[in-house]
Amino acid sequence: MNLQEQITNDLKEAMKAKDSFRLGVIRMLKGALMLEKINKMHELSNEEIIDVVSKQIKMRKDSIIEFTKANRDDLVKQNEEEIIILNSYMPPQLSEEELKKIVDDTF
């Protein structure tokens, strides 16, 4: 199953579960993916989808900084929860030990 199918399936599951928050985040992501698809004029690959997801995560991290400055803890919490949902579409990150091993093997 590619990433686009996983996002669509998660959207359907959120609708069935009546999870409005998760549904909203996935709909926003699908909208960003559709915009990128229109701009690139072709179906998006998994790598391009990951790029879009990472841009969405970065936007939320930037928003968290601004909301923290404005003492808007409610919006900070909301953006953190959105990041958690978006991170589920990112590939797993390497642990520090794995990264050190790769660096050591390279040298």
PDB file of N, CA and C in Angstrom:
ATOM      1  N   MET A   1       0.846  -1.178   0.000  1.00  0.00           N
ATOM      2  CA  MET A   1       0.000   0.000   0.000  1.00  0.00           C
ATOM      3  C   MET A   1       0.891   1.241   0.000  1.00  0.00           C
ATOM      4  N   ASN A   2       0.635   2.129  -0.949  1.00  0.00           N
ATOM      5  CA  ASN A   2       1.438   3.341  -0.968  1.00  0.00           C
ATOM      6  C   ASN A   2       0.878   4.370   0.012  1.00  0.00           C
ATOM      7  N   LEU A   3       1.584   5.443   0.162  1.00  0.00           N
ATOM      8  CA  LEU A   3       1.233   6.448   1.163  1.00  0.00           C
ATOM      9  C   LEU A   3      -0.099   7.130   0.864  1.00  0.00           C
ATOM     10  N   GLN A   4      -0.374   7.366  -0.418  1.00  0.00           N
ATOM     11  CA  GLN A   4      -1.642   8.001  -0.802  1.00  0.00           C
ATOM     12  C   GLN A   4      -2.826   7.122  -0.391  1.00  0.00           C
ATOM     13  N   GLU A   5      -2.710   5.821  -0.598  1.00  0.00           N
ATOM     14  CA  GLU A   5      -3.779   4.896  -0.210  1.00  0.00           C
ATOM     15  C   GLU A   5      -3.938   4.861   1.305  1.00  0.00           C
ATOM     16  N   GLN A   6      -2.820   4.903   2.014  1.00  0.00           N
ATOM     17  CA  GLN A   6      -2.877   4.886   3.479  1.00  0.00           C
ATOM     18  C   GLN A   6      -3.604   6.136   3.997  1.00  0.00           C
ATOM     19  N   ILE A   7      -3.304   7.283   3.410  1.00  0.00           N
ATOM     20  CA  ILE A   7      -3.963   8.524   3.833  1.00  0.00           C
ATOM     21  C   ILE A   7      -5.457   8.445   3.560  1.00  0.00           C
ATOM     22  N   THR A   8      -5.834   7.927   2.395  1.00  0.00           N
ATOM     23  CA  THR A   8      -7.253   7.787   2.052  1.00  0.00           C
ATOM     24  C   THR A   8      -7.954   6.822   3.002  1.00  0.00           C
ATOM     25  N   ASN A   9      -7.300   5.707   3.312  1.00  0.00           N
ATOM     26  CA  ASN A   9      -7.893   4.745   4.251  1.00  0.00           C
ATOM     27  C   ASN A   9      -8.044   5.353   5.645  1.00  0.00           C
ATOM     28  N   ASP A  10      -7.031   6.114   6.080  1.00  0.00           N
ATOM     29  CA  ASP A  10      -7.115   6.766   7.391  1.00  0.00           C
ATOM     30  C   ASP A  10      -8.239   7.799   7.427  1.00  0.00           C
ATOM     31  N   LEU A  11      -8.465   8.453   6.298  1.00  0.00           N
ATOM     32  CA  LEU A  11      -9.562   9.422   6.202  1.00  0.00           C
ATOM     33  C   LEU A  11     -10.903   8.705   6.390  1.00  0.00           C
ATOM     34  N   LYS A  12     -11.056   7.571   5.724  1.00  0.00           N
ATOM     35  CA  LYS A  12     -12.293   6.796   5.848  1.00  0.00           C
ATOM     36  C   LYS A  12     -12.486   6.298   7.281  1.00  0.00           C
ATOM     37  N   GLU A  13     -11.398   5.833   7.893  1.00  0.00           N
ATOM     38  CA  GLU A  13     -11.477   5.336   9.272  1.00  0.00           C
ATOM     39  C   GLU A  13     -11.861   6.455  10.240  1.00  0.00           C
ATOM     40  N   ALA A  14     -11.299   7.645  10.027  1.00  0.00           N
ATOM     41  CA  ALA A  14     -11.625   8.780  10.891  1.00  0.00           C
ATOM     42  C   ALA A  14     -13.094   9.167  10.731  1.00  0.00           C
ATOM     43  N   MET A  15     -13.607   9.052   9.512  1.00  0.00           N
ATOM     44  CA  MET A  15     -15.026   9.350   9.280  1.00  0.00           C
ATOM     45  C   MET A  15     -15.906   8.334   9.996  1.00  0.00           C
ATOM     46  N   LYS A  16     -15.542   7.059   9.893  1.00  0.00           N
ATOM     47  CA  LYS A  16     -16.321   6.009  10.545  1.00  0.00           C
ATOM     48  C   LYS A  16     -16.284   6.158  12.062  1.00  0.00           C
ATOM     49  N   ALA A  17     -15.120   6.530  12.597  1.00  0.00           N
ATOM     50  CA  ALA A  17     -14.953   6.672  14.044  1.00  0.00           C
ATOM     51  C   ALA A  17     -15.494   8.009  14.547  1.00  0.00           C
ATOM     52  N   LYS A  18     -15.886   8.880  13.611  1.00  0.00           N
ATOM     53  CA  LYS A  18     -16.384  10.222  13.956  1.00  0.00           C
ATOM     54  C   LYS A  18     -15.361  11.000  14.775  1.00  0.00           C
ATOM     55  N   ASP A  19     -14.082  10.839  14.400  1.00  0.00           N
ATOM     56  CA  ASP A  19     -12.979  11.557  15.023  1.00  0.00           C
ATOM     57  C   ASP A  19     -12.772  12.842  14.232  1.00  0.00           C
ATOM     58  N   SER A  20     -13.465  13.900  14.626  1.00  0.00           N
ATOM     59  CA  SER A  20     -13.473  15.133  13.834  1.00  0.00           C
ATOM     60  C   SER A  20     -12.107  15.810  13.776  1.00  0.00           C
ATOM     61  N   PHE A  21     -11.333  15.737  14.850  1.00  0.00           N
ATOM     62  CA  PHE A  21     -10.017  16.379  14.842  1.00  0.00           C
ATOM     63  C   PHE A  21      -9.095  15.705  13.832  1.00  0.00           C
ATOM     64  N   ARG A  22      -8.989  14.376  13.934  1.00  0.00           N
ATOM     65  CA  ARG A  22      -8.133  13.618  13.009  1.00  0.00           C
ATOM     66  C   ARG A  22      -8.630  13.787  11.573  1.00  0.00           C
ATOM     67  N   LEU A  23      -9.928  13.779  11.395  1.00  0.00           N
ATOM     68  CA  LEU A  23     -10.521  13.947  10.078  1.00  0.00           C
ATOM     69  C   LEU A  23     -10.123  15.293   9.482  1.00  0.00           C
ATOM     70  N   GLY A  24     -10.166  16.336  10.293  1.00  0.00           N
ATOM     71  CA  GLY A  24      -9.786  17.666   9.820  1.00  0.00           C
ATOM     72  C   GLY A  24      -8.332  17.740   9.399  1.00  0.00           C
ATOM     73  N   VAL A  25      -7.462  17.117  10.170  1.00  0.00           N
ATOM     74  CA  VAL A  25      -6.035  17.140   9.850  1.00  0.00           C
ATOM     75  C   VAL A  25      -5.775  16.372   8.552  1.00  0.00           C
ATOM     76  N   ILE A  26      -6.413  15.223   8.390  1.00  0.00           N
ATOM     77  CA  ILE A  26      -6.197  14.426   7.180  1.00  0.00           C
ATOM     78  C   ILE A  26      -6.787  15.133   5.971  1.00  0.00           C
ATOM     79  N   ARG A  27      -7.926  15.780   6.127  1.00  0.00           N
ATOM     80  CA  ARG A  27      -8.503  16.536   5.010  1.00  0.00           C
ATOM     81  C   ARG A  27      -7.578  17.678   4.597  1.00  0.00           C
ATOM     82  N   MET A  28      -6.995  18.361   5.591  1.00  0.00           N
ATOM     83  CA  MET A  28      -6.056  19.440   5.292  1.00  0.00           C
ATOM     84  C   MET A  28      -4.861  18.885   4.518  1.00  0.00           C
ATOM     85  N   LEU A  29      -4.371  17.733   4.936  1.00  0.00           N
ATOM     86  CA  LEU A  29      -3.239  17.107   4.262  1.00  0.00           C
ATOM     87  C   LEU A  29      -3.617  16.723   2.832  1.00  0.00           C
ATOM     88  N   LYS A  30      -4.789  16.144   2.654  1.00  0.00           N
ATOM     89  CA  LYS A  30      -5.230  15.768   1.302  1.00  0.00           C
ATOM     90  C   LYS A  30      -5.356  16.995   0.414  1.00  0.00           C
ATOM     91  N   GLY A  31      -5.812  18.115   0.987  1.00  0.00           N
ATOM     92  CA  GLY A  31      -5.896  19.359   0.220  1.00  0.00           C
ATOM     93  C   GLY A  31      -4.519  19.840  -0.216  1.00  0.00           C
ATOM     94  N   ALA A  32      -3.551  19.770   0.679  1.00  0.00           N
ATOM     95  CA  ALA A  32      -2.182  20.166   0.341  1.00  0.00           C
ATOM     96  C   ALA A  32      -1.606  19.237  -0.732  1.00  0.00           C
ATOM     97  N   LEU A  33      -1.940  17.945  -0.637  1.00  0.00           N
ATOM     98  CA  LEU A  33      -1.462  16.993  -1.643  1.00  0.00           C
ATOM     99  C   LEU A  33      -2.099  17.260  -3.006  1.00  0.00           C
ATOM    100  N   MET A  34      -3.377  17.596  -3.021  1.00  0.00           N
ATOM    101  CA  MET A  34      -4.057  17.905  -4.286  1.00  0.00           C
ATOM    102  C   MET A  34      -3.451  19.151  -4.926  1.00  0.00           C
ATOM    103  N   LEU A  35      -3.154  20.159  -4.113  1.00  0.00           N
ATOM    104  CA  LEU A  35      -2.542  21.384  -4.628  1.00  0.00           C
ATOM    105  C   LEU A  35      -1.170  21.077  -5.238  1.00  0.00           C
ATOM    106  N   GLU A  36      -0.387  20.265  -4.551  1.00  0.00           N
ATOM    107  CA  GLU A  36       0.931  19.883  -5.058  1.00  0.00           C
ATOM    108  C   GLU A  36       0.801  19.070  -6.352  1.00  0.00           C
ATOM    109  N   LYS A  37      -0.202  18.197  -6.403  1.00  0.00           N
ATOM    110  CA  LYS A  37      -0.436  17.384  -7.602  1.00  0.00           C
ATOM    111  C   LYS A  37      -0.776  18.282  -8.790  1.00  0.00           C
ATOM    112  N   ILE A  38      -1.596  19.292  -8.555  1.00  0.00           N
ATOM    113  CA  ILE A  38      -1.965  20.226  -9.622  1.00  0.00           C
ATOM    114  C   ILE A  38      -0.743  21.017 -10.073  1.00  0.00           C
ATOM    115  N   ASN A  39       0.068  21.468  -9.118  1.00  0.00           N
ATOM    116  CA  ASN A  39       1.262  22.247  -9.457  1.00  0.00           C
ATOM    117  C   ASN A  39       2.280  21.426 -10.248  1.00  0.00           C
ATOM    118  N   LYS A  40       2.440  20.156  -9.884  1.00  0.00           N
ATOM    119  CA  LYS A  40       3.437  19.302 -10.550  1.00  0.00           C
ATOM    120  C   LYS A  40       2.880  18.647 -11.813  1.00  0.00           C
ATOM    121  N   MET A  41       1.562  18.628 -11.971  1.00  0.00           N
ATOM    122  CA  MET A  41       0.877  18.062 -13.132  1.00  0.00           C
ATOM    123  C   MET A  41       1.162  16.576 -13.332  1.00  0.00           C
ATOM    124  N   HIS A  42       1.294  15.834 -12.232  1.00  0.00           N
ATOM    125  CA  HIS A  42       1.422  14.387 -12.294  1.00  0.00           C
ATOM    126  C   HIS A  42       1.096  13.810 -10.927  1.00  0.00           C
ATOM    127  N   GLU A  43       0.862  12.496 -10.915  1.00  0.00           N
ATOM    128  CA  GLU A  43       0.609  11.825  -9.643  1.00  0.00           C
ATOM    129  C   GLU A  43       1.849  11.922  -8.766  1.00  0.00           C
ATOM    130  N   LEU A  44       1.643  12.144  -7.475  1.00  0.00           N
ATOM    131  CA  LEU A  44       2.773  12.308  -6.566  1.00  0.00           C
ATOM    132  C   LEU A  44       3.344  10.958  -6.166  1.00  0.00           C
ATOM    133  N   SER A  45       4.669  10.900  -6.109  1.00  0.00           N
ATOM    134  CA  SER A  45       5.336   9.697  -5.618  1.00  0.00           C
ATOM    135  C   SER A  45       5.346   9.746  -4.089  1.00  0.00           C
ATOM    136  N   ASN A  46       5.721   8.637  -3.471  1.00  0.00           N
ATOM    137  CA  ASN A  46       5.796   8.604  -2.010  1.00  0.00           C
ATOM    138  C   ASN A  46       6.771   9.659  -1.483  1.00  0.00           C
ATOM    139  N   GLU A  47       7.889   9.871  -2.188  1.00  0.00           N
ATOM    140  CA  GLU A  47       8.874  10.868  -1.753  1.00  0.00           C
ATOM    141  C   GLU A  47       8.280  12.272  -1.793  1.00  0.00           C
ATOM    142  N   GLU A  48       7.505  12.558  -2.835  1.00  0.00           N
ATOM    143  CA  GLU A  48       6.875  13.877  -2.943  1.00  0.00           C
ATOM    144  C   GLU A  48       5.804  14.052  -1.866  1.00  0.00           C
ATOM    145  N   ILE A  49       5.090  12.984  -1.547  1.00  0.00           N
ATOM    146  CA  ILE A  49       4.086  13.047  -0.485  1.00  0.00           C
ATOM    147  C   ILE A  49       4.769  13.315   0.855  1.00  0.00           C
ATOM    148  N   ILE A  50       5.893  12.646   1.088  1.00  0.00           N
ATOM    149  CA  ILE A  50       6.642  12.869   2.328  1.00  0.00           C
ATOM    150  C   ILE A  50       7.128  14.311   2.414  1.00  0.00           C
ATOM    151  N   ASP A  51       7.532  14.891   1.278  1.00  0.00           N
ATOM    152  CA  ASP A  51       7.950  16.301   1.259  1.00  0.00           C
ATOM    153  C   ASP A  51       6.803  17.216   1.679  1.00  0.00           C
ATOM    154  N   VAL A  52       5.610  16.938   1.164  1.00  0.00           N
ATOM    155  CA  VAL A  52       4.437  17.752   1.515  1.00  0.00           C
ATOM    156  C   VAL A  52       4.125  17.616   3.006  1.00  0.00           C
ATOM    157  N   VAL A  53       4.174  16.384   3.514  1.00  0.00           N
ATOM    158  CA  VAL A  53       3.900  16.154   4.938  1.00  0.00           C
ATOM    159  C   VAL A  53       4.929  16.888   5.794  1.00  0.00           C
ATOM    160  N   SER A  54       6.199  16.813   5.396  1.00  0.00           N
ATOM    161  CA  SER A  54       7.228  17.488   6.197  1.00  0.00           C
ATOM    162  C   SER A  54       7.061  19.006   6.167  1.00  0.00           C
ATOM    163  N   LYS A  55       6.601  19.557   5.040  1.00  0.00           N
ATOM    164  CA  LYS A  55       6.318  21.003   4.980  1.00  0.00           C
ATOM    165  C   LYS A  55       5.176  21.367   5.929  1.00  0.00           C
ATOM    166  N   GLN A  56       4.164  20.507   5.983  1.00  0.00           N
ATOM    167  CA  GLN A  56       3.033  20.762   6.879  1.00  0.00           C
ATOM    168  C   GLN A  56       3.488  20.713   8.346  1.00  0.00           C
ATOM    169  N   ILE A  57       4.367  19.771   8.653  1.00  0.00           N
ATOM    170  CA  ILE A  57       4.890  19.674  10.017  1.00  0.00           C
ATOM    171  C   ILE A  57       5.704  20.914  10.352  1.00  0.00           C
ATOM    172  N   LYS A  58       6.533  21.367   9.414  1.00  0.00           N
ATOM    173  CA  LYS A  58       7.349  22.556   9.650  1.00  0.00           C
ATOM    174  C   LYS A  58       6.471  23.785   9.874  1.00  0.00           C
ATOM    175  N   MET A  59       5.392  23.898   9.099  1.00  0.00           N
ATOM    176  CA  MET A  59       4.478  25.030   9.282  1.00  0.00           C
ATOM    177  C   MET A  59       3.903  25.034  10.693  1.00  0.00           C
ATOM    178  N   ARG A  60       3.557  23.863  11.197  1.00  0.00           N
ATOM    179  CA  ARG A  60       2.987  23.780  12.536  1.00  0.00           C
ATOM    180  C   ARG A  60       4.029  24.067  13.617  1.00  0.00           C
ATOM    181  N   LYS A  61       5.252  23.625  13.391  1.00  0.00           N
ATOM    182  CA  LYS A  61       6.307  23.928  14.351  1.00  0.00           C
ATOM    183  C   LYS A  61       6.563  25.431  14.413  1.00  0.00           C
ATOM    184  N   ASP A  62       6.534  26.095  13.253  1.00  0.00           N
ATOM    185  CA  ASP A  62       6.689  27.550  13.227  1.00  0.00           C
ATOM    186  C   ASP A  62       5.522  28.226  13.942  1.00  0.00           C
ATOM    187  N   SER A  63       4.323  27.695  13.752  1.00  0.00           N
ATOM    188  CA  SER A  63       3.147  28.245  14.420  1.00  0.00           C
ATOM    189  C   SER A  63       3.249  28.078  15.929  1.00  0.00           C
ATOM    190  N   ILE A  64       3.778  26.940  16.369  1.00  0.00           N
ATOM    191  CA  ILE A  64       3.927  26.699  17.806  1.00  0.00           C
ATOM    192  C   ILE A  64       4.827  27.760  18.425  1.00  0.00           C
ATOM    193  N   ILE A  65       5.898  28.119  17.731  1.00  0.00           N
ATOM    194  CA  ILE A  65       6.805  29.153  18.245  1.00  0.00           C
ATOM    195  C   ILE A  65       6.061  30.472  18.406  1.00  0.00           C
ATOM    196  N   GLU A  66       5.284  30.839  17.394  1.00  0.00           N
ATOM    197  CA  GLU A  66       4.544  32.101  17.453  1.00  0.00           C
ATOM    198  C   GLU A  66       3.450  32.065  18.518  1.00  0.00           C
ATOM    199  N   PHE A  67       2.754  30.954  18.624  1.00  0.00           N
ATOM    200  CA  PHE A  67       1.690  30.844  19.626  1.00  0.00           C
ATOM    201  C   PHE A  67       2.255  30.839  21.037  1.00  0.00           C
ATOM    202  N   THR A  68       3.453  30.278  21.204  1.00  0.00           N
ATOM    203  CA  THR A  68       4.090  30.287  22.515  1.00  0.00           C
ATOM    204  C   THR A  68       4.427  31.719  22.921  1.00  0.00           C
ATOM    205  N   LYS A  69       4.920  32.497  21.969  1.00  0.00           N
ATOM    206  CA  LYS A  69       5.235  33.908  22.249  1.00  0.00           C
ATOM    207  C   LYS A  69       3.985  34.679  22.653  1.00  0.00           C
ATOM    208  N   ALA A  70       2.850  34.291  22.069  1.00  0.00           N
ATOM    209  CA  ALA A  70       1.590  34.996  22.334  1.00  0.00           C
ATOM    210  C   ALA A  70       0.828  34.383  23.509  1.00  0.00           C
ATOM    211  N   ASN A  71       1.440  33.416  24.204  1.00  0.00           N
ATOM    212  CA  ASN A  71       0.802  32.745  25.346  1.00  0.00           C
ATOM    213  C   ASN A  71      -0.534  32.107  24.974  1.00  0.00           C
ATOM    214  N   ARG A  72      -0.588  31.488  23.799  1.00  0.00           N
ATOM    215  CA  ARG A  72      -1.794  30.791  23.357  1.00  0.00           C
ATOM    216  C   ARG A  72      -1.573  29.295  23.495  1.00  0.00           C
ATOM    217  N   ASP A  73      -1.615  28.819  24.732  1.00  0.00           N
ATOM    218  CA  ASP A  73      -1.344  27.414  25.017  1.00  0.00           C
ATOM    219  C   ASP A  73      -2.337  26.473  24.344  1.00  0.00           C
ATOM    220  N   ASP A  74      -3.583  26.927  24.166  1.00  0.00           N
ATOM    221  CA  ASP A  74      -4.579  26.084  23.517  1.00  0.00           C
ATOM    222  C   ASP A  74      -4.191  25.793  22.066  1.00  0.00           C
ATOM    223  N   LEU A  75      -3.690  26.812  21.365  1.00  0.00           N
ATOM    224  CA  LEU A  75      -3.284  26.620  19.976  1.00  0.00           C
ATOM    225  C   LEU A  75      -1.967  25.852  19.877  1.00  0.00           C
ATOM    226  N   VAL A  76      -1.107  26.022  20.857  1.00  0.00           N
ATOM    227  CA  VAL A  76       0.137  25.251  20.899  1.00  0.00           C
ATOM    228  C   VAL A  76      -0.203  23.764  21.004  1.00  0.00           C
ATOM    229  N   LYS A  77      -1.108  23.439  21.921  1.00  0.00           N
ATOM    230  CA  LYS A  77      -1.502  22.039  22.125  1.00  0.00           C
ATOM    231  C   LYS A  77      -2.148  21.469  20.861  1.00  0.00           C
ATOM    232  N   GLN A  78      -2.998  22.247  20.220  1.00  0.00           N
ATOM    233  CA  GLN A  78      -3.671  21.796  18.996  1.00  0.00           C
ATOM    234  C   GLN A  78      -2.646  21.492  17.902  1.00  0.00           C
ATOM    235  N   ASN A  79      -1.673  22.386  17.723  1.00  0.00           N
ATOM    236  CA  ASN A  79      -0.659  22.169  16.693  1.00  0.00           C
ATOM    237  C   ASN A  79       0.228  20.977  17.025  1.00  0.00           C
ATOM    238  N   GLU A  80       0.514  20.762  18.296  1.00  0.00           N
ATOM    239  CA  GLU A  80       1.311  19.594  18.689  1.00  0.00           C
ATOM    240  C   GLU A  80       0.564  18.307  18.366  1.00  0.00           C
ATOM    241  N   GLU A  81      -0.745  18.299  18.592  1.00  0.00           N
ATOM    242  CA  GLU A  81      -1.545  17.111  18.278  1.00  0.00           C
ATOM    243  C   GLU A  81      -1.608  16.876  16.769  1.00  0.00           C
ATOM    244  N   GLU A  82      -1.672  17.953  15.992  1.00  0.00           N
ATOM    245  CA  GLU A  82      -1.670  17.819  14.536  1.00  0.00           C
ATOM    246  C   GLU A  82      -0.340  17.243  14.058  1.00  0.00           C
ATOM    247  N   ILE A  83       0.762  17.665  14.679  1.00  0.00           N
ATOM    248  CA  ILE A  83       2.082  17.145  14.312  1.00  0.00           C
ATOM    249  C   ILE A  83       2.158  15.648  14.580  1.00  0.00           C
ATOM    250  N   ILE A  84       1.571  15.198  15.681  1.00  0.00           N
ATOM    251  CA  ILE A  84       1.574  13.766  15.998  1.00  0.00           C
ATOM    252  C   ILE A  84       0.870  12.984  14.895  1.00  0.00           C
ATOM    253  N   ILE A  85      -0.262  13.491  14.440  1.00  0.00           N
ATOM    254  CA  ILE A  85      -0.998  12.809  13.370  1.00  0.00           C
ATOM    255  C   ILE A  85      -0.183  12.818  12.077  1.00  0.00           C
ATOM    256  N   LEU A  86       0.405  13.956  11.743  1.00  0.00           N
ATOM    257  CA  LEU A  86       1.184  14.060  10.503  1.00  0.00           C
ATOM    258  C   LEU A  86       2.437  13.182  10.548  1.00  0.00           C
ATOM    259  N   ASN A  87       3.032  13.048  11.723  1.00  0.00           N
ATOM    260  CA  ASN A  87       4.231  12.221  11.853  1.00  0.00           C
ATOM    261  C   ASN A  87       3.957  10.753  11.543  1.00  0.00           C
ATOM    262  N   SER A  88       2.702  10.330  11.654  1.00  0.00           N
ATOM    263  CA  SER A  88       2.391   8.932  11.355  1.00  0.00           C
ATOM    264  C   SER A  88       2.589   8.617   9.868  1.00  0.00           C
ATOM    265  N   TYR A  89       2.686   9.643   9.020  1.00  0.00           N
ATOM    266  CA  TYR A  89       2.908   9.444   7.586  1.00  0.00           C
ATOM    267  C   TYR A  89       4.369   9.618   7.190  1.00  0.00           C
ATOM    268  N   MET A  90       5.208   9.934   8.149  1.00  0.00           N
ATOM    269  CA  MET A  90       6.637  10.087   7.881  1.00  0.00           C
ATOM    270  C   MET A  90       7.338   8.748   8.077  1.00  0.00           C
ATOM    271  N   PRO A  91       8.435   8.525   7.348  1.00  0.00           N
ATOM    272  CA  PRO A  91       9.184   7.284   7.579  1.00  0.00           C
ATOM    273  C   PRO A  91       9.808   7.299   8.967  1.00  0.00           C
ATOM    274  N   PRO A  92      10.062   6.136   9.535  1.00  0.00           N
ATOM    275  CA  PRO A  92      10.649   6.111  10.879  1.00  0.00           C
ATOM    276  C   PRO A  92      12.031   6.764  10.887  1.00  0.00           C
ATOM    277  N   GLN A  93      12.298   7.520  11.946  1.00  0.00           N
ATOM    278  CA  GLN A  93      13.581   8.206  12.079  1.00  0.00           C
ATOM    279  C   GLN A  93      14.613   7.251  12.669  1.00  0.00           C
ATOM    280  N   LEU A  94      15.867   7.450  12.298  1.00  0.00           N
ATOM    281  CA  LEU A  94      16.942   6.638  12.850  1.00  0.00           C
ATOM    282  C   LEU A  94      17.195   7.041  14.298  1.00  0.00           C
ATOM    283  N   SER A  95      17.493   6.046  15.115  1.00  0.00           N
ATOM    284  CA  SER A  95      17.858   6.362  16.495  1.00  0.00           C
ATOM    285  C   SER A  95      19.284   6.902  16.493  1.00  0.00           C
ATOM    286  N   GLU A  96      19.691   7.478  17.598  1.00  0.00           N
ATOM    287  CA  GLU A  96      21.027   8.055  17.684  1.00  0.00           C
ATOM    288  C   GLU A  96      22.091   6.973  17.514  1.00  0.00           C
ATOM    289  N   GLU A  97      21.838   5.800  18.088  1.00  0.00           N
ATOM    290  CA  GLU A  97      22.792   4.687  17.967  1.00  0.00           C
ATOM    291  C   GLU A  97      22.930   4.234  16.519  1.00  0.00           C
ATOM    292  N   GLU A  98      21.806   4.115  15.810  1.00  0.00           N
ATOM    293  CA  GLU A  98      21.851   3.706  14.410  1.00  0.00           C
ATOM    294  C   GLU A  98      22.606   4.724  13.565  1.00  0.00           C
ATOM    295  N   LEU A  99      22.369   5.999  13.857  1.00  0.00           N
ATOM    296  CA  LEU A  99      23.038   7.062  13.121  1.00  0.00           C
ATOM    297  C   LEU A  99      24.545   7.028  13.365  1.00  0.00           C
ATOM    298  N   LYS A 100      24.946   6.825  14.614  1.00  0.00           N
ATOM    299  CA  LYS A 100      26.377   6.736  14.940  1.00  0.00           C
ATOM    300  C   LYS A 100      27.015   5.552  14.225  1.00  0.00           C
ATOM    301  N   LYS A 101      26.308   4.430  14.179  1.00  0.00           N
ATOM    302  CA  LYS A 101      26.841   3.244  13.517  1.00  0.00           C
ATOM    303  C   LYS A 101      27.057   3.499  12.034  1.00  0.00           C
ATOM    304  N   ILE A 102      26.120   4.164  11.392  1.00  0.00           N
ATOM    305  CA  ILE A 102      26.250   4.488   9.965  1.00  0.00           C
ATOM    306  C   ILE A 102      27.439   5.414   9.743  1.00  0.00           C
ATOM    307  N   VAL A 103      27.588   6.415  10.597  1.00  0.00           N
ATOM    308  CA  VAL A 103      28.706   7.355  10.471  1.00  0.00           C
ATOM    309  C   VAL A 103      30.030   6.629  10.673  1.00  0.00           C
ATOM    310  N   ASP A 104      30.090   5.760  11.695  1.00  0.00           N
ATOM    311  CA  ASP A 104      31.313   5.003  11.974  1.00  0.00           C
ATOM    312  C   ASP A 104      31.654   4.073  10.803  1.00  0.00           C
ATOM    313  N   ASP A 105      30.642   3.420  10.242  1.00  0.00           N
ATOM    314  CA  ASP A 105      30.869   2.517   9.120  1.00  0.00           C
ATOM    315  C   ASP A 105      31.360   3.286   7.894  1.00  0.00           C
ATOM    316  N   THR A 106      30.863   4.492   7.730  1.00  0.00           N
ATOM    317  CA  THR A 106      31.251   5.309   6.579  1.00  0.00           C
ATOM    318  C   THR A 106      32.715   5.719   6.674  1.00  0.00           C
ATOM    319  N   PHE A 107      33.130   6.091   7.873  1.00  0.00           N
ATOM    320  CA  PHE A 107      34.528   6.508   8.060  1.00  0.00           C
ATOM    321  C   PHE A 107      35.397   5.284   8.208  1.00  0.00           C
TER     322      PHE A 107
END
